[in-house]
Amino acid sequence: MVDEWTIGRLLSWTADFLGQHGSDSPRLEAEVLLAHARNCPRIELYTRFDEPADDQLRDDYRALVRRRADGAPVAYLVGHREFYSLDFRVTPDVLIPRPETETLVLALLDLVKGIADNSRRIALADVGTGSGVIGITAACRTPQIAPVTLIDISPAALEVARENAQRLGVTERVELIESDLFEAVAPQRTFDIVASNPPYVTTDELAALHRDVGRYEPEQALAGGASGTDVIERLIPQAAQRLTAGGTLLLEISPMLQQRVETLVAAEKRLEHQSTIKDLAGLPRVVVARRP
């Protein structure tokens, strides 16, 4: 008699299969994909190991697993990703949120906590917003940040950000602007905080990226040119121009670009380099600069 395909057996087989195809966390990915195919919370699978999996579920699951084995990121397959304990919709039009960016969000929220007048509204620009994780998370975590201006050159990315603002209940405090950095933002607009996770992958690094990233995530959101700082070099002076007196620039970087980015900040006479914050891995991740 052929063994029956149960939830538990499906997970075990898939974890082995994904592990053989290069997954770093095959069991977790197997569970996330099966929960998505089954339309249930992942934790529910743990009480259903002995439950038979019907033909339709196996067909749906098999299609997802095949795409994952071919390199498609799990977040794109299931359509969402957790960031800072919030659930964000993601599509191939936006980068998949990464834990390193939480370092920037933490710095942003700490900055807001340090402002003595907690009744004052703080204007935030999230430049190159993608799915909106920086600006929308900030809006969700403190009512003091308003308005939140989400800026991106990609109209498709802005639609994803718009949906995330709606699903997380901050639409009334968020505005979206299609713009190459600040070019299409009204010239009189200024901000207390400018935050950005800009493209900073060098041309050589881009060619060598793992297939999960290089083949599936939007190149426009990754490519920083030969030096990795093509966008950053344009953003720093534009951000300096748009900051209020005493305003702060928070810039996510590649650890390999620390010295170059700090040099670029130092060369901008309207800014003072405050610090460079390390991420949980101990790597330099966020450059903080202030307009005196």
C-alpha atoms as a PDB file:
ATOM      1  CA  MET A   1       0.000   0.000   0.000  1.00  0.00           C
ATOM      2  CA  VAL A   2       1.336   3.442  -0.963  1.00  0.00           C
ATOM      3  CA  ASP A   3       1.786   5.740   2.022  1.00  0.00           C
ATOM      4  CA  GLU A   4      -0.852   8.444   2.186  1.00  0.00           C
ATOM      5  CA  TRP A   5       0.204  12.045   1.568  1.00  0.00           C
ATOM      6  CA  THR A   6      -0.510  13.786   4.862  1.00  0.00           C
ATOM      7  CA  ILE A   7       0.361  17.345   5.870  1.00  0.00           C
ATOM      8  CA  GLY A   8       3.323  16.057   7.868  1.00  0.00           C
ATOM      9  CA  ARG A   9       4.637  13.903   5.051  1.00  0.00           C
ATOM     10  CA  LEU A  10       4.299  16.737   2.542  1.00  0.00           C
ATOM     11  CA  LEU A  11       6.308  19.043   4.796  1.00  0.00           C
ATOM     12  CA  SER A  12       9.073  16.508   5.389  1.00  0.00           C
ATOM     13  CA  TRP A  13       9.432  15.684   1.701  1.00  0.00           C
ATOM     14  CA  THR A  14       9.381  19.345   0.657  1.00  0.00           C
ATOM     15  CA  ALA A  15      11.936  20.397   3.260  1.00  0.00           C
ATOM     16  CA  ASP A  16      14.343  17.762   1.931  1.00  0.00           C
ATOM     17  CA  PHE A  17      13.629  18.807  -1.653  1.00  0.00           C
ATOM     18  CA  LEU A  18      14.161  22.526  -1.052  1.00  0.00           C
ATOM     19  CA  GLY A  19      17.310  21.823   0.945  1.00  0.00           C
ATOM     20  CA  GLN A  20      18.720  19.996  -2.074  1.00  0.00           C
ATOM     21  CA  HIS A  21      17.888  23.052  -4.210  1.00  0.00           C
ATOM     22  CA  GLY A  22      19.841  25.548  -2.146  1.00  0.00           C
ATOM     23  CA  SER A  23      17.337  26.818   0.416  1.00  0.00           C
ATOM     24  CA  ASP A  24      18.886  28.146   3.624  1.00  0.00           C
ATOM     25  CA  SER A  25      15.713  27.471   5.638  1.00  0.00           C
ATOM     26  CA  PRO A  26      13.917  24.650   3.824  1.00  0.00           C
ATOM     27  CA  ARG A  27      11.571  23.589   6.626  1.00  0.00           C
ATOM     28  CA  LEU A  28      10.366  27.129   7.260  1.00  0.00           C
ATOM     29  CA  GLU A  29       9.829  27.724   3.549  1.00  0.00           C
ATOM     30  CA  ALA A  30       7.955  24.431   3.197  1.00  0.00           C
ATOM     31  CA  GLU A  31       5.621  25.462   6.014  1.00  0.00           C
ATOM     32  CA  VAL A  32       5.050  28.994   4.702  1.00  0.00           C
ATOM     33  CA  LEU A  33       4.211  27.709   1.231  1.00  0.00           C
ATOM     34  CA  LEU A  34       1.887  24.984   2.491  1.00  0.00           C
ATOM     35  CA  ALA A  35       0.075  27.383   4.815  1.00  0.00           C
ATOM     36  CA  HIS A  36      -0.418  29.681   1.840  1.00  0.00           C
ATOM     37  CA  ALA A  37      -1.695  26.852  -0.390  1.00  0.00           C
ATOM     38  CA  ARG A  38      -4.003  25.714   2.399  1.00  0.00           C
ATOM     39  CA  ASN A  39      -5.039  29.310   3.252  1.00  0.00           C
ATOM     40  CA  CYS A  40      -4.412  28.883   6.947  1.00  0.00           C
ATOM     41  CA  PRO A  41      -2.043  30.261   9.614  1.00  0.00           C
ATOM     42  CA  ARG A  42       1.287  28.452   9.607  1.00  0.00           C
ATOM     43  CA  ILE A  43       0.879  27.448  13.240  1.00  0.00           C
ATOM     44  CA  GLU A  44      -2.260  25.497  12.329  1.00  0.00           C
ATOM     45  CA  LEU A  45      -0.141  23.012  10.385  1.00  0.00           C
ATOM     46  CA  TYR A  46       1.332  21.715  13.646  1.00  0.00           C
ATOM     47  CA  THR A  47      -2.043  20.339  14.697  1.00  0.00           C
ATOM     48  CA  ARG A  48      -2.735  18.827  11.270  1.00  0.00           C
ATOM     49  CA  PHE A  49       0.306  16.633  10.591  1.00  0.00           C
ATOM     50  CA  ASP A  50      -1.827  13.492  10.283  1.00  0.00           C
ATOM     51  CA  GLU A  51      -4.506  15.083   8.135  1.00  0.00           C
ATOM     52  CA  PRO A  52      -4.654  13.810   4.523  1.00  0.00           C
ATOM     53  CA  ALA A  53      -3.794  16.316   1.793  1.00  0.00           C
ATOM     54  CA  ASP A  54      -6.309  16.164  -1.048  1.00  0.00           C
ATOM     55  CA  ASP A  55      -5.401  16.276  -4.737  1.00  0.00           C
ATOM     56  CA  GLN A  56      -6.173  19.978  -5.169  1.00  0.00           C
ATOM     57  CA  LEU A  57      -3.998  20.984  -2.228  1.00  0.00           C
ATOM     58  CA  ARG A  58      -1.125  18.842  -3.479  1.00  0.00           C
ATOM     59  CA  ASP A  59      -1.405  20.331  -6.984  1.00  0.00           C
ATOM     60  CA  ASP A  60      -1.438  23.901  -5.674  1.00  0.00           C
ATOM     61  CA  TYR A  61       1.428  23.205  -3.299  1.00  0.00           C
ATOM     62  CA  ARG A  62       3.491  21.403  -5.939  1.00  0.00           C
ATOM     63  CA  ALA A  63       3.273  24.444  -8.240  1.00  0.00           C
ATOM     64  CA  LEU A  64       4.559  26.736  -5.493  1.00  0.00           C
ATOM     65  CA  VAL A  65       7.364  24.380  -4.528  1.00  0.00           C
ATOM     66  CA  ARG A  66       8.531  24.032  -8.124  1.00  0.00           C
ATOM     67  CA  ARG A  67       8.706  27.810  -8.508  1.00  0.00           C
ATOM     68  CA  ARG A  68      10.606  28.110  -5.234  1.00  0.00           C
ATOM     69  CA  ALA A  69      13.083  25.434  -6.331  1.00  0.00           C
ATOM     70  CA  ASP A  70      13.602  27.448  -9.506  1.00  0.00           C
ATOM     71  CA  GLY A  71      14.588  30.443  -7.395  1.00  0.00           C
ATOM     72  CA  ALA A  72      11.401  32.475  -6.992  1.00  0.00           C
ATOM     73  CA  PRO A  73      11.478  34.169  -3.547  1.00  0.00           C
ATOM     74  CA  VAL A  74       8.945  32.877  -1.033  1.00  0.00           C
ATOM     75  CA  ALA A  75       7.716  36.412  -0.305  1.00  0.00           C
ATOM     76  CA  TYR A  76       6.712  36.891  -3.940  1.00  0.00           C
ATOM     77  CA  LEU A  77       5.055  33.477  -4.072  1.00  0.00           C
ATOM     78  CA  VAL A  78       2.853  34.173  -1.046  1.00  0.00           C
ATOM     79  CA  GLY A  79       2.529  37.922  -1.687  1.00  0.00           C
ATOM     80  CA  HIS A  80       3.556  39.279   1.686  1.00  0.00           C
ATOM     81  CA  ARG A  81       6.437  39.604   4.158  1.00  0.00           C
ATOM     82  CA  GLU A  82       6.624  40.511   7.842  1.00  0.00           C
ATOM     83  CA  PHE A  83       8.632  43.612   8.714  1.00  0.00           C
ATOM     84  CA  TYR A  84       8.885  45.079  12.210  1.00  0.00           C
ATOM     85  CA  SER A  85       5.985  42.823  13.281  1.00  0.00           C
ATOM     86  CA  LEU A  86       3.761  44.248  10.534  1.00  0.00           C
ATOM     87  CA  ASP A  87       2.512  42.318   7.514  1.00  0.00           C
ATOM     88  CA  PHE A  88       3.395  44.031   4.230  1.00  0.00           C
ATOM     89  CA  ARG A  89       2.187  43.089   0.781  1.00  0.00           C
ATOM     90  CA  VAL A  90       5.063  42.603  -1.670  1.00  0.00           C
ATOM     91  CA  THR A  91       5.173  42.000  -5.416  1.00  0.00           C
ATOM     92  CA  PRO A  92       8.049  41.737  -7.914  1.00  0.00           C
ATOM     93  CA  ASP A  93       7.667  45.527  -8.368  1.00  0.00           C
ATOM     94  CA  VAL A  94       9.293  46.126  -4.965  1.00  0.00           C
ATOM     95  CA  LEU A  95      12.243  44.844  -2.980  1.00  0.00           C
ATOM     96  CA  ILE A  96      11.509  42.234  -0.345  1.00  0.00           C
ATOM     97  CA  PRO A  97      11.870  43.900   3.093  1.00  0.00           C
ATOM     98  CA  ARG A  98      14.997  42.804   4.938  1.00  0.00           C
ATOM     99  CA  PRO A  99      15.910  42.788   8.637  1.00  0.00           C
ATOM    100  CA  GLU A 100      18.794  45.208   7.999  1.00  0.00           C
ATOM    101  CA  THR A 101      16.290  47.960   7.204  1.00  0.00           C
ATOM    102  CA  GLU A 102      14.789  47.567  10.671  1.00  0.00           C
ATOM    103  CA  THR A 103      18.028  49.155  11.928  1.00  0.00           C
ATOM    104  CA  LEU A 104      17.051  52.338  10.097  1.00  0.00           C
ATOM    105  CA  VAL A 105      13.492  52.224  11.433  1.00  0.00           C
ATOM    106  CA  LEU A 106      14.745  51.794  14.992  1.00  0.00           C
ATOM    107  CA  ALA A 107      17.043  54.800  14.555  1.00  0.00           C
ATOM    108  CA  LEU A 108      14.136  56.822  13.171  1.00  0.00           C
ATOM    109  CA  LEU A 109      11.821  55.959  16.062  1.00  0.00           C
ATOM    110  CA  ASP A 110      14.571  56.670  18.619  1.00  0.00           C
ATOM    111  CA  LEU A 111      15.100  60.042  16.981  1.00  0.00           C
ATOM    112  CA  VAL A 112      11.411  60.868  17.352  1.00  0.00           C
ATOM    113  CA  LYS A 113      11.422  59.770  21.013  1.00  0.00           C
ATOM    114  CA  GLY A 114      14.288  62.171  21.640  1.00  0.00           C
ATOM    115  CA  ILE A 115      12.255  65.197  20.581  1.00  0.00           C
ATOM    116  CA  ALA A 116      11.170  66.882  23.798  1.00  0.00           C
ATOM    117  CA  ASP A 117       7.934  68.351  22.449  1.00  0.00           C
ATOM    118  CA  ASN A 118       5.943  65.197  21.773  1.00  0.00           C
ATOM    119  CA  SER A 119       2.960  67.222  20.591  1.00  0.00           C
ATOM    120  CA  ARG A 120       4.870  68.526  17.575  1.00  0.00           C
ATOM    121  CA  ARG A 121       4.140  66.836  14.276  1.00  0.00           C
ATOM    122  CA  ILE A 122       7.185  65.543  12.399  1.00  0.00           C
ATOM    123  CA  ALA A 123       7.265  65.569   8.605  1.00  0.00           C
ATOM    124  CA  LEU A 124       8.957  62.483   7.163  1.00  0.00           C
ATOM    125  CA  ALA A 125      10.035  61.758   3.591  1.00  0.00           C
ATOM    126  CA  ASP A 126      10.713  58.113   2.725  1.00  0.00           C
ATOM    127  CA  VAL A 127      12.679  58.361  -0.524  1.00  0.00           C
ATOM    128  CA  GLY A 128      12.654  55.285  -2.757  1.00  0.00           C
ATOM    129  CA  THR A 129       9.900  53.874  -0.596  1.00  0.00           C
ATOM    130  CA  GLY A 130       9.200  50.640  -2.521  1.00  0.00           C
ATOM    131  CA  SER A 131       6.572  48.768  -0.519  1.00  0.00           C
ATOM    132  CA  GLY A 132       6.557  51.594   2.021  1.00  0.00           C
ATOM    133  CA  VAL A 133       8.095  49.695   4.915  1.00  0.00           C
ATOM    134  CA  ILE A 134      10.092  52.601   6.354  1.00  0.00           C
ATOM    135  CA  GLY A 135       7.495  55.352   6.195  1.00  0.00           C
ATOM    136  CA  ILE A 136       4.455  53.195   6.903  1.00  0.00           C
ATOM    137  CA  THR A 137       6.084  51.421   9.850  1.00  0.00           C
ATOM    138  CA  ALA A 138       7.027  54.798  11.296  1.00  0.00           C
ATOM    139  CA  ALA A 139       3.446  56.011  10.852  1.00  0.00           C
ATOM    140  CA  CYS A 140       2.088  52.866  12.514  1.00  0.00           C
ATOM    141  CA  ARG A 141       4.430  53.131  15.501  1.00  0.00           C
ATOM    142  CA  THR A 142       4.000  56.789  16.398  1.00  0.00           C
ATOM    143  CA  PRO A 143       1.217  59.291  15.661  1.00  0.00           C
ATOM    144  CA  GLN A 144       3.780  62.081  16.004  1.00  0.00           C
ATOM    145  CA  ILE A 145       5.059  61.362  12.491  1.00  0.00           C
ATOM    146  CA  ALA A 146       2.729  63.114  10.054  1.00  0.00           C
ATOM    147  CA  PRO A 147       2.620  63.732   7.230  1.00  0.00           C
ATOM    148  CA  VAL A 148       4.526  60.768   5.823  1.00  0.00           C
ATOM    149  CA  THR A 149       5.551  61.363   2.220  1.00  0.00           C
ATOM    150  CA  LEU A 150       6.328  58.191   0.271  1.00  0.00           C
ATOM    151  CA  ILE A 151       8.416  58.917  -2.819  1.00  0.00           C
ATOM    152  CA  ASP A 152       9.330  56.498  -5.581  1.00  0.00           C
ATOM    153  CA  ILE A 153      10.194  56.702  -9.258  1.00  0.00           C
ATOM    154  CA  SER A 154       8.147  53.556  -9.940  1.00  0.00           C
ATOM    155  CA  PRO A 155       4.355  53.953 -10.207  1.00  0.00           C
ATOM    156  CA  ALA A 156       3.963  50.193  -9.713  1.00  0.00           C
ATOM    157  CA  ALA A 157       5.912  50.365  -6.448  1.00  0.00           C
ATOM    158  CA  LEU A 158       3.759  53.264  -5.267  1.00  0.00           C
ATOM    159  CA  GLU A 159       0.630  51.190  -5.849  1.00  0.00           C
ATOM    160  CA  VAL A 160       2.033  48.522  -3.542  1.00  0.00           C
ATOM    161  CA  ALA A 161       2.852  51.194  -0.950  1.00  0.00           C
ATOM    162  CA  ARG A 162      -0.658  52.619  -1.299  1.00  0.00           C
ATOM    163  CA  GLU A 163      -2.181  49.204  -0.621  1.00  0.00           C
ATOM    164  CA  ASN A 164       0.044  48.725   2.435  1.00  0.00           C
ATOM    165  CA  ALA A 165      -0.950  52.110   3.840  1.00  0.00           C
ATOM    166  CA  GLN A 166      -4.597  51.099   3.442  1.00  0.00           C
ATOM    167  CA  ARG A 167      -4.262  47.635   4.952  1.00  0.00           C
ATOM    168  CA  LEU A 168      -2.305  49.001   7.937  1.00  0.00           C
ATOM    169  CA  GLY A 169      -4.690  51.864   8.559  1.00  0.00           C
ATOM    170  CA  VAL A 170      -2.511  54.939   7.986  1.00  0.00           C
ATOM    171  CA  THR A 171      -3.855  56.198   4.653  1.00  0.00           C
ATOM    172  CA  GLU A 172      -4.979  59.538   6.098  1.00  0.00           C
ATOM    173  CA  ARG A 173      -1.422  60.351   7.249  1.00  0.00           C
ATOM    174  CA  VAL A 174       0.367  59.223   4.087  1.00  0.00           C
ATOM    175  CA  GLU A 175       0.848  60.873   0.710  1.00  0.00           C
ATOM    176  CA  LEU A 176       2.482  59.261  -2.319  1.00  0.00           C
ATOM    177  CA  ILE A 177       4.535  61.106  -4.923  1.00  0.00           C
ATOM    178  CA  GLU A 178       5.946  59.634  -8.124  1.00  0.00           C
ATOM    179  CA  SER A 179       9.360  61.235  -8.423  1.00  0.00           C
ATOM    180  CA  ASP A 180      13.027  60.620  -9.149  1.00  0.00           C
ATOM    181  CA  LEU A 181      14.265  61.476  -5.639  1.00  0.00           C
ATOM    182  CA  PHE A 182      12.910  64.986  -4.913  1.00  0.00           C
ATOM    183  CA  GLU A 183      12.631  66.207  -8.511  1.00  0.00           C
ATOM    184  CA  ALA A 184       8.815  66.165  -8.676  1.00  0.00           C
ATOM    185  CA  VAL A 185       8.280  67.271  -5.066  1.00  0.00           C
ATOM    186  CA  ALA A 186       7.085  70.861  -4.725  1.00  0.00           C
ATOM    187  CA  PRO A 187      10.182  73.048  -4.262  1.00  0.00           C
ATOM    188  CA  GLN A 188       8.896  74.667  -1.076  1.00  0.00           C
ATOM    189  CA  ARG A 189       8.386  71.352   0.713  1.00  0.00           C
ATOM    190  CA  THR A 190      10.757  70.624   3.601  1.00  0.00           C
ATOM    191  CA  PHE A 191      10.981  67.706   6.020  1.00  0.00           C
ATOM    192  CA  ASP A 192      12.168  67.111   9.569  1.00  0.00           C
ATOM    193  CA  ILE A 193      13.457  63.654   8.624  1.00  0.00           C
ATOM    194  CA  VAL A 194      14.528  62.223   5.288  1.00  0.00           C
ATOM    195  CA  ALA A 195      14.941  58.446   5.375  1.00  0.00           C
ATOM    196  CA  SER A 196      16.019  56.239   2.503  1.00  0.00           C
ATOM    197  CA  ASN A 197      17.091  52.739   1.606  1.00  0.00           C
ATOM    198  CA  PRO A 198      18.505  53.681  -1.810  1.00  0.00           C
ATOM    199  CA  PRO A 199      19.998  51.402  -4.473  1.00  0.00           C
ATOM    200  CA  TYR A 200      23.575  50.658  -3.381  1.00  0.00           C
ATOM    201  CA  VAL A 201      24.588  47.400  -5.087  1.00  0.00           C
ATOM    202  CA  THR A 202      27.614  47.877  -7.339  1.00  0.00           C
ATOM    203  CA  THR A 203      27.575  46.742 -10.954  1.00  0.00           C
ATOM    204  CA  ASP A 204      29.980  43.895 -10.185  1.00  0.00           C
ATOM    205  CA  GLU A 205      27.936  42.786  -7.164  1.00  0.00           C
ATOM    206  CA  LEU A 206      24.746  42.906  -9.190  1.00  0.00           C
ATOM    207  CA  ALA A 207      26.170  40.460 -11.715  1.00  0.00           C
ATOM    208  CA  ALA A 208      27.083  38.041  -8.918  1.00  0.00           C
ATOM    209  CA  LEU A 209      23.850  38.225  -6.892  1.00  0.00           C
ATOM    210  CA  HIS A 210      22.126  35.028  -5.832  1.00  0.00           C
ATOM    211  CA  ARG A 211      19.429  34.044  -8.330  1.00  0.00           C
ATOM    212  CA  ASP A 212      16.671  34.752  -5.771  1.00  0.00           C
ATOM    213  CA  VAL A 213      17.634  38.417  -5.931  1.00  0.00           C
ATOM    214  CA  GLY A 214      19.210  38.955  -9.341  1.00  0.00           C
ATOM    215  CA  ARG A 215      16.499  37.236 -11.366  1.00  0.00           C
ATOM    216  CA  TYR A 216      13.433  38.314  -9.433  1.00  0.00           C
ATOM    217  CA  GLU A 217      13.837  41.583  -7.522  1.00  0.00           C
ATOM    218  CA  PRO A 218      13.621  44.917  -9.412  1.00  0.00           C
ATOM    219  CA  GLU A 219      17.047  45.941 -10.691  1.00  0.00           C
ATOM    220  CA  GLN A 220      16.124  49.622 -10.526  1.00  0.00           C
ATOM    221  CA  ALA A 221      15.820  49.331  -6.742  1.00  0.00           C
ATOM    222  CA  LEU A 222      19.185  47.592  -6.409  1.00  0.00           C
ATOM    223  CA  ALA A 223      21.619  49.064  -8.931  1.00  0.00           C
ATOM    224  CA  GLY A 224      23.928  51.730  -7.522  1.00  0.00           C
ATOM    225  CA  GLY A 225      26.278  51.904 -10.479  1.00  0.00           C
ATOM    226  CA  ALA A 226      29.962  51.012 -10.672  1.00  0.00           C
ATOM    227  CA  SER A 227      30.734  52.540  -7.274  1.00  0.00           C
ATOM    228  CA  GLY A 228      27.420  51.668  -5.624  1.00  0.00           C
ATOM    229  CA  THR A 229      26.788  55.337  -4.828  1.00  0.00           C
ATOM    230  CA  ASP A 230      25.311  56.750  -8.044  1.00  0.00           C
ATOM    231  CA  VAL A 231      21.922  57.391  -6.425  1.00  0.00           C
ATOM    232  CA  ILE A 232      23.373  58.287  -3.024  1.00  0.00           C
ATOM    233  CA  GLU A 233      25.560  61.000  -4.607  1.00  0.00           C
ATOM    234  CA  ARG A 234      22.420  62.660  -5.984  1.00  0.00           C
ATOM    235  CA  LEU A 235      20.318  62.085  -2.888  1.00  0.00           C
ATOM    236  CA  ILE A 236      22.627  63.652  -0.283  1.00  0.00           C
ATOM    237  CA  PRO A 237      22.572  67.230  -1.656  1.00  0.00           C
ATOM    238  CA  GLN A 238      18.861  66.998  -2.463  1.00  0.00           C
ATOM    239  CA  ALA A 239      18.109  65.805   1.070  1.00  0.00           C
ATOM    240  CA  ALA A 240      20.268  68.592   2.530  1.00  0.00           C
ATOM    241  CA  GLN A 241      18.234  71.109   0.569  1.00  0.00           C
ATOM    242  CA  ARG A 242      14.932  69.660   1.792  1.00  0.00           C
ATOM    243  CA  LEU A 243      15.738  69.269   5.489  1.00  0.00           C
ATOM    244  CA  THR A 244      14.481  71.778   8.014  1.00  0.00           C
ATOM    245  CA  ALA A 245      17.028  73.392  10.348  1.00  0.00           C
ATOM    246  CA  GLY A 246      17.970  70.656  12.793  1.00  0.00           C
ATOM    247  CA  GLY A 247      16.524  68.009  10.455  1.00  0.00           C
ATOM    248  CA  THR A 248      18.060  64.554  10.068  1.00  0.00           C
ATOM    249  CA  LEU A 249      19.007  62.320   7.151  1.00  0.00           C
ATOM    250  CA  LEU A 250      18.954  58.546   7.739  1.00  0.00           C
ATOM    251  CA  LEU A 251      20.581  56.579   4.969  1.00  0.00           C
ATOM    252  CA  GLU A 252      20.851  52.790   4.723  1.00  0.00           C
ATOM    253  CA  ILE A 253      24.133  51.696   3.149  1.00  0.00           C
ATOM    254  CA  SER A 254      26.164  48.648   2.255  1.00  0.00           C
ATOM    255  CA  PRO A 255      28.842  48.090   4.914  1.00  0.00           C
ATOM    256  CA  MET A 256      31.441  48.217   2.155  1.00  0.00           C
ATOM    257  CA  LEU A 257      30.396  51.769   1.294  1.00  0.00           C
ATOM    258  CA  GLN A 258      30.737  53.252   4.776  1.00  0.00           C
ATOM    259  CA  GLN A 259      33.865  55.314   4.174  1.00  0.00           C
ATOM    260  CA  ARG A 260      32.725  56.568   0.772  1.00  0.00           C
ATOM    261  CA  VAL A 261      29.268  57.606   1.998  1.00  0.00           C
ATOM    262  CA  GLU A 262      30.688  59.320   5.082  1.00  0.00           C
ATOM    263  CA  THR A 263      33.049  61.220   2.775  1.00  0.00           C
ATOM    264  CA  LEU A 264      30.124  62.288   0.592  1.00  0.00           C
ATOM    265  CA  VAL A 265      28.240  63.526   3.656  1.00  0.00           C
ATOM    266  CA  ALA A 266      31.312  65.423   4.885  1.00  0.00           C
ATOM    267  CA  ALA A 267      31.601  67.123   1.504  1.00  0.00           C
ATOM    268  CA  GLU A 268      28.024  68.446   1.773  1.00  0.00           C
ATOM    269  CA  LYS A 269      28.484  71.703   3.704  1.00  0.00           C
ATOM    270  CA  ARG A 270      24.837  71.833   4.771  1.00  0.00           C
ATOM    271  CA  LEU A 271      25.145  68.541   6.688  1.00  0.00           C
ATOM    272  CA  GLU A 272      27.081  67.252   9.680  1.00  0.00           C
ATOM    273  CA  HIS A 273      27.795  63.529  10.032  1.00  0.00           C
ATOM    274  CA  GLN A 274      26.359  62.430  13.380  1.00  0.00           C
ATOM    275  CA  SER A 275      27.037  58.703  13.512  1.00  0.00           C
ATOM    276  CA  THR A 276      27.021  55.439  11.602  1.00  0.00           C
ATOM    277  CA  ILE A 277      24.850  52.808  13.249  1.00  0.00           C
ATOM    278  CA  LYS A 278      25.690  49.112  13.130  1.00  0.00           C
ATOM    279  CA  ASP A 279      23.102  46.421  12.457  1.00  0.00           C
ATOM    280  CA  LEU A 280      22.548  43.286  14.542  1.00  0.00           C
ATOM    281  CA  ALA A 281      25.434  41.593  12.736  1.00  0.00           C
ATOM    282  CA  GLY A 282      27.756  44.383  13.867  1.00  0.00           C
ATOM    283  CA  LEU A 283      28.098  45.848  10.375  1.00  0.00           C
ATOM    284  CA  PRO A 284      27.840  49.578   9.572  1.00  0.00           C
ATOM    285  CA  ARG A 285      24.352  49.993   8.161  1.00  0.00           C
ATOM    286  CA  VAL A 286      22.820  53.459   8.688  1.00  0.00           C
ATOM    287  CA  VAL A 287      24.563  56.800   8.181  1.00  0.00           C
ATOM    288  CA  VAL A 288      23.008  59.598  10.224  1.00  0.00           C
ATOM    289  CA  ALA A 289      23.567  63.227   9.232  1.00  0.00           C
ATOM    290  CA  ARG A 290      22.033  66.439  10.552  1.00  0.00           C
ATOM    291  CA  ARG A 291      21.395  69.856   9.091  1.00  0.00           C
ATOM    292  CA  PRO A 292      22.518  72.344  11.793  1.00  0.00           C
END
